[in-house]
Amino acid sequence: AFPVYVFAPYEDYKRNSQVWSNYPNAMI
């Protein structure tokens, strides 16, 4: 009846890597 919902906070998941620096919205 209801969808499975997940929210990923950016501050919890961001990492100091090139791909996260270049594409933060795509990675989160």
PDB file of all heavy atoms in Angstrom:
ATOM      1  N   ALA A   1       0.815  -1.209   0.000  1.00  0.00           N
ATOM      2  CA  ALA A   1       0.000   0.000   0.000  1.00  0.00           C
ATOM      3  C   ALA A   1       0.851   1.262   0.000  1.00  0.00           C
ATOM      4  O   ALA A   1       0.445   2.290  -0.548  1.00  0.00           O
ATOM      5  CB  ALA A   1      -0.928  -0.011   1.215  1.00  0.00           C
ATOM      6  N   PHE A   2       2.030   1.185   0.609  1.00  0.00           N
ATOM      7  CA  PHE A   2       2.885   2.361   0.722  1.00  0.00           C
ATOM      8  C   PHE A   2       4.262   2.070   0.128  1.00  0.00           C
ATOM      9  O   PHE A   2       4.742   0.935   0.170  1.00  0.00           O
ATOM     10  CB  PHE A   2       3.038   2.782   2.185  1.00  0.00           C
ATOM     11  CG  PHE A   2       1.747   3.171   2.849  1.00  0.00           C
ATOM     12  CD1 PHE A   2       1.091   2.281   3.694  1.00  0.00           C
ATOM     13  CD2 PHE A   2       1.176   4.413   2.608  1.00  0.00           C
ATOM     14  CE1 PHE A   2      -0.096   2.637   4.292  1.00  0.00           C
ATOM     15  CE2 PHE A   2      -0.014   4.773   3.203  1.00  0.00           C
ATOM     16  CZ  PHE A   2      -0.666   3.886   4.047  1.00  0.00           C
ATOM     17  N   PRO A   3       4.887   3.082  -0.413  1.00  0.00           N
ATOM     18  CA  PRO A   3       6.219   2.879  -0.992  1.00  0.00           C
ATOM     19  C   PRO A   3       7.288   2.728   0.092  1.00  0.00           C
ATOM     20  O   PRO A   3       7.106   3.172   1.227  1.00  0.00           O
ATOM     21  CB  PRO A   3       6.451   4.162  -1.805  1.00  0.00           C
ATOM     22  CG  PRO A   3       5.663   5.202  -1.072  1.00  0.00           C
ATOM     23  CD  PRO A   3       4.438   4.487  -0.561  1.00  0.00           C
ATOM     24  N   VAL A   4       8.390   2.105  -0.288  1.00  0.00           N
ATOM     25  CA  VAL A   4       9.571   2.080   0.578  1.00  0.00           C
ATOM     26  C   VAL A   4      10.274   3.420   0.418  1.00  0.00           C
ATOM     27  O   VAL A   4      10.587   3.846  -0.689  1.00  0.00           O
ATOM     28  CB  VAL A   4      10.508   0.922   0.195  1.00  0.00           C
ATOM     29  CG1 VAL A   4      11.816   1.008   0.987  1.00  0.00           C
ATOM     30  CG2 VAL A   4       9.825  -0.415   0.443  1.00  0.00           C
ATOM     31  N   TYR A   5      10.528   4.082   1.552  1.00  0.00           N
ATOM     32  CA  TYR A   5      11.093   5.438   1.537  1.00  0.00           C
ATOM     33  C   TYR A   5      12.465   5.440   2.199  1.00  0.00           C
ATOM     34  O   TYR A   5      12.647   4.865   3.280  1.00  0.00           O
ATOM     35  CB  TYR A   5      10.164   6.398   2.275  1.00  0.00           C
ATOM     36  CG  TYR A   5      10.764   7.754   2.573  1.00  0.00           C
ATOM     37  CD1 TYR A   5      10.795   8.760   1.610  1.00  0.00           C
ATOM     38  CD2 TYR A   5      11.281   8.037   3.849  1.00  0.00           C
ATOM     39  CE1 TYR A   5      11.337  10.004   1.888  1.00  0.00           C
ATOM     40  CE2 TYR A   5      11.820   9.286   4.135  1.00  0.00           C
ATOM     41  CZ  TYR A   5      11.843  10.259   3.154  1.00  0.00           C
ATOM     42  OH  TYR A   5      12.378  11.491   3.442  1.00  0.00           O
ATOM     43  N   VAL A   6      13.421   6.085   1.554  1.00  0.00           N
ATOM     44  CA  VAL A   6      14.754   6.273   2.126  1.00  0.00           C
ATOM     45  C   VAL A   6      15.191   7.706   1.874  1.00  0.00           C
ATOM     46  O   VAL A   6      15.031   8.218   0.759  1.00  0.00           O
ATOM     47  CB  VAL A   6      15.781   5.298   1.510  1.00  0.00           C
ATOM     48  CG1 VAL A   6      17.212   5.730   1.856  1.00  0.00           C
ATOM     49  CG2 VAL A   6      15.546   3.882   2.001  1.00  0.00           C
ATOM     50  N   PHE A   7      15.724   8.347   2.905  1.00  0.00           N
ATOM     51  CA  PHE A   7      16.353   9.655   2.747  1.00  0.00           C
ATOM     52  C   PHE A   7      17.812   9.531   3.177  1.00  0.00           C
ATOM     53  O   PHE A   7      18.107   9.048   4.272  1.00  0.00           O
ATOM     54  CB  PHE A   7      15.651  10.728   3.585  1.00  0.00           C
ATOM     55  CG  PHE A   7      16.187  12.121   3.340  1.00  0.00           C
ATOM     56  CD1 PHE A   7      15.651  12.901   2.329  1.00  0.00           C
ATOM     57  CD2 PHE A   7      17.246  12.627   4.097  1.00  0.00           C
ATOM     58  CE1 PHE A   7      16.151  14.173   2.079  1.00  0.00           C
ATOM     59  CE2 PHE A   7      17.751  13.894   3.856  1.00  0.00           C
ATOM     60  CZ  PHE A   7      17.202  14.672   2.840  1.00  0.00           C
ATOM     61  N   ALA A   8      18.727   9.966   2.315  1.00  0.00           N
ATOM     62  CA  ALA A   8      20.157   9.907   2.591  1.00  0.00           C
ATOM     63  C   ALA A   8      20.685  11.323   2.822  1.00  0.00           C
ATOM     64  O   ALA A   8      20.821  12.091   1.869  1.00  0.00           O
ATOM     65  CB  ALA A   8      20.895   9.244   1.439  1.00  0.00           C
ATOM     66  N   PRO A   9      20.982  11.707   4.065  1.00  0.00           N
ATOM     67  CA  PRO A   9      21.532  13.047   4.331  1.00  0.00           C
ATOM     68  C   PRO A   9      22.917  13.195   3.701  1.00  0.00           C
ATOM     69  O   PRO A   9      23.774  12.311   3.853  1.00  0.00           O
ATOM     70  CB  PRO A   9      21.613  13.104   5.861  1.00  0.00           C
ATOM     71  CG  PRO A   9      20.701  12.022   6.341  1.00  0.00           C
ATOM     72  CD  PRO A   9      20.768  10.950   5.306  1.00  0.00           C
ATOM     73  N   TYR A  10      23.137  14.300   3.036  1.00  0.00           N
ATOM     74  CA  TYR A  10      24.405  14.511   2.336  1.00  0.00           C
ATOM     75  C   TYR A  10      25.596  14.524   3.289  1.00  0.00           C
ATOM     76  O   TYR A  10      26.652  13.937   2.995  1.00  0.00           O
ATOM     77  CB  TYR A  10      24.347  15.830   1.565  1.00  0.00           C
ATOM     78  CG  TYR A  10      25.593  16.131   0.779  1.00  0.00           C
ATOM     79  CD1 TYR A  10      25.930  15.382  -0.349  1.00  0.00           C
ATOM     80  CD2 TYR A  10      26.444  17.161   1.159  1.00  0.00           C
ATOM     81  CE1 TYR A  10      27.079  15.651  -1.075  1.00  0.00           C
ATOM     82  CE2 TYR A  10      27.598  17.448   0.446  1.00  0.00           C
ATOM     83  CZ  TYR A  10      27.906  16.692  -0.668  1.00  0.00           C
ATOM     84  OH  TYR A  10      29.052  16.956  -1.379  1.00  0.00           O
ATOM     85  N   GLU A  11      25.452  15.160   4.431  1.00  0.00           N
ATOM     86  CA  GLU A  11      26.562  15.266   5.378  1.00  0.00           C
ATOM     87  C   GLU A  11      26.959  13.913   5.936  1.00  0.00           C
ATOM     88  O   GLU A  11      28.105  13.715   6.337  1.00  0.00           O
ATOM     89  CB  GLU A  11      26.204  16.218   6.521  1.00  0.00           C
ATOM     90  CG  GLU A  11      26.111  17.678   6.110  1.00  0.00           C
ATOM     91  CD  GLU A  11      27.437  18.214   5.582  1.00  0.00           C
ATOM     92  OE1 GLU A  11      28.496  17.817   6.125  1.00  0.00           O
ATOM     93  OE2 GLU A  11      27.420  19.017   4.640  1.00  0.00           O
ATOM     94  N   ASP A  12      26.035  12.967   5.954  1.00  0.00           N
ATOM     95  CA  ASP A  12      26.342  11.640   6.473  1.00  0.00           C
ATOM     96  C   ASP A  12      27.068  10.767   5.451  1.00  0.00           C
ATOM     97  O   ASP A  12      27.795   9.843   5.836  1.00  0.00           O
ATOM     98  CB  ASP A  12      25.058  10.915   6.887  1.00  0.00           C
ATOM     99  CG  ASP A  12      24.423  11.516   8.127  1.00  0.00           C
ATOM    100  OD1 ASP A  12      25.049  12.406   8.736  1.00  0.00           O
ATOM    101  OD2 ASP A  12      23.300  11.109   8.480  1.00  0.00           O
ATOM    102  N   TYR A  13      26.862  11.044   4.179  1.00  0.00           N
ATOM    103  CA  TYR A  13      27.373  10.141   3.145  1.00  0.00           C
ATOM    104  C   TYR A  13      28.481  10.729   2.280  1.00  0.00           C
ATOM    105  O   TYR A  13      29.173   9.985   1.591  1.00  0.00           O
ATOM    106  CB  TYR A  13      26.221   9.675   2.243  1.00  0.00           C
ATOM    107  CG  TYR A  13      25.306   8.701   2.931  1.00  0.00           C
ATOM    108  CD1 TYR A  13      24.197   9.156   3.639  1.00  0.00           C
ATOM    109  CD2 TYR A  13      25.564   7.342   2.900  1.00  0.00           C
ATOM    110  CE1 TYR A  13      23.360   8.269   4.294  1.00  0.00           C
ATOM    111  CE2 TYR A  13      24.737   6.446   3.551  1.00  0.00           C
ATOM    112  CZ  TYR A  13      23.637   6.906   4.244  1.00  0.00           C
ATOM    113  OH  TYR A  13      22.821   6.029   4.901  1.00  0.00           O
ATOM    114  N   LYS A  14      28.661  12.028   2.279  1.00  0.00           N
ATOM    115  CA  LYS A  14      29.667  12.611   1.399  1.00  0.00           C
ATOM    116  C   LYS A  14      31.058  12.135   1.815  1.00  0.00           C
ATOM    117  O   LYS A  14      31.328  11.867   2.982  1.00  0.00           O
ATOM    118  CB  LYS A  14      29.602  14.136   1.437  1.00  0.00           C
ATOM    119  CG  LYS A  14      30.076  14.757   2.744  1.00  0.00           C
ATOM    120  CD  LYS A  14      30.114  16.272   2.636  1.00  0.00           C
ATOM    121  CE  LYS A  14      30.655  16.903   3.915  1.00  0.00           C
ATOM    122  NZ  LYS A  14      30.754  18.370   3.821  1.00  0.00           N
ATOM    123  N   ARG A  15      31.934  12.015   0.819  1.00  0.00           N
ATOM    124  CA  ARG A  15      33.285  11.551   1.068  1.00  0.00           C
ATOM    125  C   ARG A  15      34.285  12.439   0.361  1.00  0.00           C
ATOM    126  O   ARG A  15      33.963  13.094  -0.636  1.00  0.00           O
ATOM    127  CB  ARG A  15      33.445  10.093   0.605  1.00  0.00           C
ATOM    128  CG  ARG A  15      32.683   9.091   1.463  1.00  0.00           C
ATOM    129  CD  ARG A  15      33.178   9.107   2.893  1.00  0.00           C
ATOM    130  NE  ARG A  15      32.481   8.164   3.749  1.00  0.00           N
ATOM    131  CZ  ARG A  15      31.418   8.462   4.480  1.00  0.00           C
ATOM    132  NH1 ARG A  15      30.919   9.681   4.431  1.00  0.00           N
ATOM    133  NH2 ARG A  15      30.855   7.553   5.247  1.00  0.00           N
ATOM    134  N   ASN A  16      35.506  12.455   0.890  1.00  0.00           N
ATOM    135  CA  ASN A  16      36.567  13.263   0.322  1.00  0.00           C
ATOM    136  C   ASN A  16      37.214  12.505  -0.831  1.00  0.00           C
ATOM    137  O   ASN A  16      38.293  11.914  -0.696  1.00  0.00           O
ATOM    138  CB  ASN A  16      37.613  13.592   1.395  1.00  0.00           C
ATOM    139  CG  ASN A  16      38.696  14.505   0.867  1.00  0.00           C
ATOM    140  OD1 ASN A  16      38.486  15.245  -0.093  1.00  0.00           O
ATOM    141  ND2 ASN A  16      39.862  14.447   1.480  1.00  0.00           N
ATOM    142  N   SER A  17      36.536  12.477  -1.960  1.00  0.00           N
ATOM    143  CA  SER A  17      37.047  11.788  -3.141  1.00  0.00           C
ATOM    144  C   SER A  17      36.725  12.619  -4.378  1.00  0.00           C
ATOM    145  O   SER A  17      35.869  13.499  -4.350  1.00  0.00           O
ATOM    146  CB  SER A  17      36.427  10.393  -3.268  1.00  0.00           C
ATOM    147  OG  SER A  17      35.045  10.488  -3.568  1.00  0.00           O
ATOM    148  N   GLN A  18      37.415  12.311  -5.450  1.00  0.00           N
ATOM    149  CA  GLN A  18      37.254  13.108  -6.665  1.00  0.00           C
ATOM    150  C   GLN A  18      35.850  13.001  -7.234  1.00  0.00           C
ATOM    151  O   GLN A  18      35.265  13.993  -7.661  1.00  0.00           O
ATOM    152  CB  GLN A  18      38.282  12.662  -7.702  1.00  0.00           C
ATOM    153  CG  GLN A  18      38.275  13.526  -8.968  1.00  0.00           C
ATOM    154  CD  GLN A  18      39.404  13.154  -9.901  1.00  0.00           C
ATOM    155  OE1 GLN A  18      40.261  12.355  -9.569  1.00  0.00           O
ATOM    156  NE2 GLN A  18      39.404  13.745 -11.080  1.00  0.00           N
ATOM    157  N   VAL A  19      35.305  11.795  -7.244  1.00  0.00           N
ATOM    158  CA  VAL A  19      33.979  11.616  -7.843  1.00  0.00           C
ATOM    159  C   VAL A  19      32.912  12.342  -7.018  1.00  0.00           C
ATOM    160  O   VAL A  19      31.981  12.935  -7.572  1.00  0.00           O
ATOM    161  CB  VAL A  19      33.648  10.121  -7.998  1.00  0.00           C
ATOM    162  CG1 VAL A  19      33.488   9.439  -6.647  1.00  0.00           C
ATOM    163  CG2 VAL A  19      32.389   9.927  -8.838  1.00  0.00           C
ATOM    164  N   TRP A  20      33.050  12.354  -5.672  1.00  0.00           N
ATOM    165  CA  TRP A  20      32.096  13.075  -4.838  1.00  0.00           C
ATOM    166  C   TRP A  20      32.261  14.581  -5.001  1.00  0.00           C
ATOM    167  O   TRP A  20      31.281  15.329  -4.930  1.00  0.00           O
ATOM    168  CB  TRP A  20      32.244  12.677  -3.368  1.00  0.00           C
ATOM    169  CG  TRP A  20      31.477  11.446  -3.021  1.00  0.00           C
ATOM    170  CD1 TRP A  20      31.893  10.155  -3.127  1.00  0.00           C
ATOM    171  CD2 TRP A  20      30.136  11.392  -2.517  1.00  0.00           C
ATOM    172  NE1 TRP A  20      30.896   9.296  -2.722  1.00  0.00           N
ATOM    173  CE2 TRP A  20      29.814  10.025  -2.331  1.00  0.00           C
ATOM    174  CE3 TRP A  20      29.192  12.365  -2.191  1.00  0.00           C
ATOM    175  CZ2 TRP A  20      28.572   9.612  -1.846  1.00  0.00           C
ATOM    176  CZ3 TRP A  20      27.960  11.960  -1.704  1.00  0.00           C
ATOM    177  CH2 TRP A  20      27.652  10.587  -1.538  1.00  0.00           C
ATOM    178  N   SER A  21      33.487  15.042  -5.202  1.00  0.00           N
ATOM    179  CA  SER A  21      33.726  16.470  -5.411  1.00  0.00           C
ATOM    180  C   SER A  21      33.148  16.943  -6.743  1.00  0.00           C
ATOM    181  O   SER A  21      32.598  18.042  -6.838  1.00  0.00           O
ATOM    182  CB  SER A  21      35.224  16.762  -5.368  1.00  0.00           C
ATOM    183  OG  SER A  21      35.760  16.487  -4.092  1.00  0.00           O
ATOM    184  N   ASN A  22      33.281  16.110  -7.766  1.00  0.00           N
ATOM    185  CA  ASN A  22      32.827  16.502  -9.107  1.00  0.00           C
ATOM    186  C   ASN A  22      31.329  16.301  -9.312  1.00  0.00           C
ATOM    187  O   ASN A  22      30.691  17.066 -10.042  1.00  0.00           O
ATOM    188  CB  ASN A  22      33.592  15.709 -10.165  1.00  0.00           C
ATOM    189  CG  ASN A  22      35.061  16.076 -10.225  1.00  0.00           C
ATOM    190  OD1 ASN A  22      35.458  17.134  -9.748  1.00  0.00           O
ATOM    191  ND2 ASN A  22      35.868  15.208 -10.800  1.00  0.00           N
ATOM    192  N   TYR A  23      30.765  15.261  -8.706  1.00  0.00           N
ATOM    193  CA  TYR A  23      29.354  14.919  -8.951  1.00  0.00           C
ATOM    194  C   TYR A  23      28.616  14.659  -7.636  1.00  0.00           C
ATOM    195  O   TYR A  23      28.089  13.564  -7.415  1.00  0.00           O
ATOM    196  CB  TYR A  23      29.262  13.685  -9.848  1.00  0.00           C
ATOM    197  CG  TYR A  23      30.097  13.772 -11.095  1.00  0.00           C
ATOM    198  CD1 TYR A  23      31.295  13.081 -11.208  1.00  0.00           C
ATOM    199  CD2 TYR A  23      29.693  14.566 -12.176  1.00  0.00           C
ATOM    200  CE1 TYR A  23      32.074  13.166 -12.354  1.00  0.00           C
ATOM    201  CE2 TYR A  23      30.462  14.657 -13.324  1.00  0.00           C
ATOM    202  CZ  TYR A  23      31.647  13.956 -13.405  1.00  0.00           C
ATOM    203  OH  TYR A  23      32.419  14.034 -14.528  1.00  0.00           O
ATOM    204  N   PRO A  24      28.548  15.643  -6.754  1.00  0.00           N
ATOM    205  CA  PRO A  24      27.940  15.399  -5.442  1.00  0.00           C
ATOM    206  C   PRO A  24      26.457  15.048  -5.520  1.00  0.00           C
ATOM    207  O   PRO A  24      25.983  14.190  -4.765  1.00  0.00           O
ATOM    208  CB  PRO A  24      28.153  16.722  -4.702  1.00  0.00           C
ATOM    209  CG  PRO A  24      28.319  17.745  -5.785  1.00  0.00           C
ATOM    210  CD  PRO A  24      29.025  17.031  -6.896  1.00  0.00           C
ATOM    211  N   ASN A  25      25.726  15.696  -6.420  1.00  0.00           N
ATOM    212  CA  ASN A  25      24.291  15.402  -6.507  1.00  0.00           C
ATOM    213  C   ASN A  25      24.034  13.999  -7.050  1.00  0.00           C
ATOM    214  O   ASN A  25      23.160  13.273  -6.570  1.00  0.00           O
ATOM    215  CB  ASN A  25      23.569  16.445  -7.361  1.00  0.00           C
ATOM    216  CG  ASN A  25      24.199  16.610  -8.730  1.00  0.00           C
ATOM    217  OD1 ASN A  25      25.321  16.155  -9.006  1.00  0.00           O
ATOM    218  ND2 ASN A  25      23.490  17.282  -9.627  1.00  0.00           N
ATOM    219  N   ALA A  26      24.814  13.582  -8.048  1.00  0.00           N
ATOM    220  CA  ALA A  26      24.636  12.239  -8.607  1.00  0.00           C
ATOM    221  C   ALA A  26      25.001  11.162  -7.590  1.00  0.00           C
ATOM    222  O   ALA A  26      24.320  10.126  -7.484  1.00  0.00           O
ATOM    223  CB  ALA A  26      25.491  12.074  -9.866  1.00  0.00           C
ATOM    224  N   MET A  27      26.049  11.389  -6.813  1.00  0.00           N
ATOM    225  CA  MET A  27      26.498  10.376  -5.859  1.00  0.00           C
ATOM    226  C   MET A  27      25.522  10.212  -4.699  1.00  0.00           C
ATOM    227  O   MET A  27      25.219   9.079  -4.298  1.00  0.00           O
ATOM    228  CB  MET A  27      27.886  10.736  -5.336  1.00  0.00           C
ATOM    229  CG  MET A  27      28.983  10.646  -6.384  1.00  0.00           C
ATOM    230  SD  MET A  27      29.075   9.019  -7.182  1.00  0.00           S
ATOM    231  CE  MET A  27      29.515   7.991  -5.779  1.00  0.00           C
ATOM    232  N   ILE A  28      25.013  11.313  -4.147  1.00  0.00           N
ATOM    233  CA  ILE A  28      24.081  11.170  -3.030  1.00  0.00           C
ATOM    234  C   ILE A  28      22.761  10.568  -3.518  1.00  0.00           C
ATOM    235  O   ILE A  28      22.112   9.813  -2.793  1.00  0.00           O
ATOM    236  CB  ILE A  28      23.851  12.533  -2.318  1.00  0.00           C
ATOM    237  CG1 ILE A  28      23.129  12.318  -0.991  1.00  0.00           C
ATOM    238  CG2 ILE A  28      23.112  13.514  -3.204  1.00  0.00           C
ATOM    239  CD1 ILE A  28      23.883  11.453   0.000  1.00  0.00           C
TER     240      ILE A  28
END
